[in-house]
Amino acid sequence: MDIHQVRKIYGIMALAAVILVGFAPVVGMVISRSLFIEMLILGFVMAILSIVFAWKKYRCPYCDEILRAREPMPDCCPNCGARLRE
């Protein structure tokens, strides 16, 4: 899997977690309390999975150093200097 694909997947997973947790109170007020609790649990599980996914996969393909997901995609690895963008 390409490093750019990993970053996109991580972003989608994190966004899904934020949406689930953010809309859970609205759903709980309008529809049902049990769905509220299920959405909260699913949102927190998705957040944890996205963090674990980024920690395991968002690494330099050459030196295996963890890249920082909060910063923009670097052109080169901060550790070994290998080009990450083509």
Protein backbone atom coordinates (compact mmCIF):
# COMPACT_ATOMS: atom_id res chain seq x y z
CA MET A 1 0.00 0.00 0.00
CA ASP A 2 1.35 3.41 -1.01
CA ILE A 3 2.06 5.97 1.74
CA HIS A 4 -0.39 8.40 0.12
CA GLN A 5 -3.16 5.79 0.23
CA VAL A 6 -2.41 5.13 3.89
CA ARG A 7 -2.78 8.83 4.67
CA LYS A 8 -6.11 9.01 2.79
CA ILE A 9 -7.47 5.92 4.57
CA TYR A 10 -6.39 7.32 7.94
CA GLY A 11 -8.11 10.62 7.13
CA ILE A 12 -11.33 8.90 6.14
CA MET A 13 -11.33 6.75 9.28
CA ALA A 14 -10.69 9.76 11.53
CA LEU A 15 -13.41 11.79 9.78
CA ALA A 16 -15.88 8.92 10.18
CA ALA A 17 -15.10 8.79 13.91
CA VAL A 18 -15.66 12.52 14.29
CA ILE A 19 -18.95 12.36 12.38
CA LEU A 20 -20.22 9.42 14.43
CA VAL A 21 -19.37 11.03 17.76
CA GLY A 22 -20.57 14.45 16.61
CA PHE A 23 -23.98 13.34 15.38
CA ALA A 24 -24.62 10.83 18.16
CA PRO A 25 -26.27 13.38 20.51
CA VAL A 26 -28.59 14.58 17.76
CA VAL A 27 -29.60 11.02 16.92
CA GLY A 28 -30.07 10.30 20.62
CA MET A 29 -32.44 13.24 21.05
CA VAL A 30 -34.44 12.56 17.89
CA ILE A 31 -34.49 8.79 17.45
CA SER A 32 -33.45 6.71 20.46
CA ARG A 33 -31.07 6.58 23.38
CA SER A 34 -29.82 3.09 22.48
CA LEU A 35 -28.78 4.25 19.00
CA PHE A 36 -26.99 7.20 20.65
CA ILE A 37 -24.93 4.83 22.80
CA GLU A 38 -24.19 2.54 19.84
CA MET A 39 -23.02 5.48 17.71
CA LEU A 40 -20.79 6.76 20.51
CA ILE A 41 -19.21 3.35 21.01
CA LEU A 42 -18.72 2.88 17.27
CA GLY A 43 -17.22 6.38 16.98
CA PHE A 44 -14.73 5.77 19.78
CA VAL A 45 -13.80 2.36 18.36
CA MET A 46 -13.29 3.96 14.94
CA ALA A 47 -11.08 6.65 16.50
CA ILE A 48 -8.93 4.05 18.25
CA LEU A 49 -8.69 1.96 15.07
CA SER A 50 -7.64 4.99 13.02
CA ILE A 51 -4.90 5.82 15.53
CA VAL A 52 -3.62 2.23 15.54
CA PHE A 53 -3.80 2.08 11.73
CA ALA A 54 -1.78 5.30 11.39
CA TRP A 55 0.74 4.13 13.99
CA LYS A 56 1.29 0.81 12.20
CA LYS A 57 1.10 1.91 8.55
CA TYR A 58 2.00 5.62 8.25
CA ARG A 59 5.75 5.05 8.18
CA CYS A 60 8.64 5.74 5.84
CA PRO A 61 8.86 2.80 3.41
CA TYR A 62 12.68 2.91 3.59
CA CYS A 63 13.64 3.34 7.26
CA ASP A 64 10.28 2.46 8.92
CA GLU A 65 10.26 5.73 10.90
CA ILE A 66 6.81 6.94 12.00
CA LEU A 67 5.67 10.01 10.04
CA ARG A 68 3.70 12.74 11.75
CA ALA A 69 0.07 12.65 10.60
CA ARG A 70 -0.70 16.15 11.90
CA GLU A 71 1.75 17.79 9.53
CA PRO A 72 1.37 18.05 5.74
CA MET A 73 2.74 15.14 3.72
CA PRO A 74 6.52 15.68 3.67
CA ASP A 75 8.52 15.51 0.45
CA CYS A 76 11.30 13.61 2.21
CA CYS A 77 11.52 11.41 5.28
CA PRO A 78 12.64 13.51 8.27
CA ASN A 79 14.78 10.61 9.50
CA CYS A 80 16.58 9.16 6.45
CA GLY A 81 15.92 11.81 3.78
CA ALA A 82 14.35 9.39 1.27
CA ARG A 83 11.90 10.95 -1.20
CA LEU A 84 8.30 10.19 -0.33
CA ARG A 85 6.67 12.16 -3.18
CA GLU A 86 7.23 11.45 -6.80
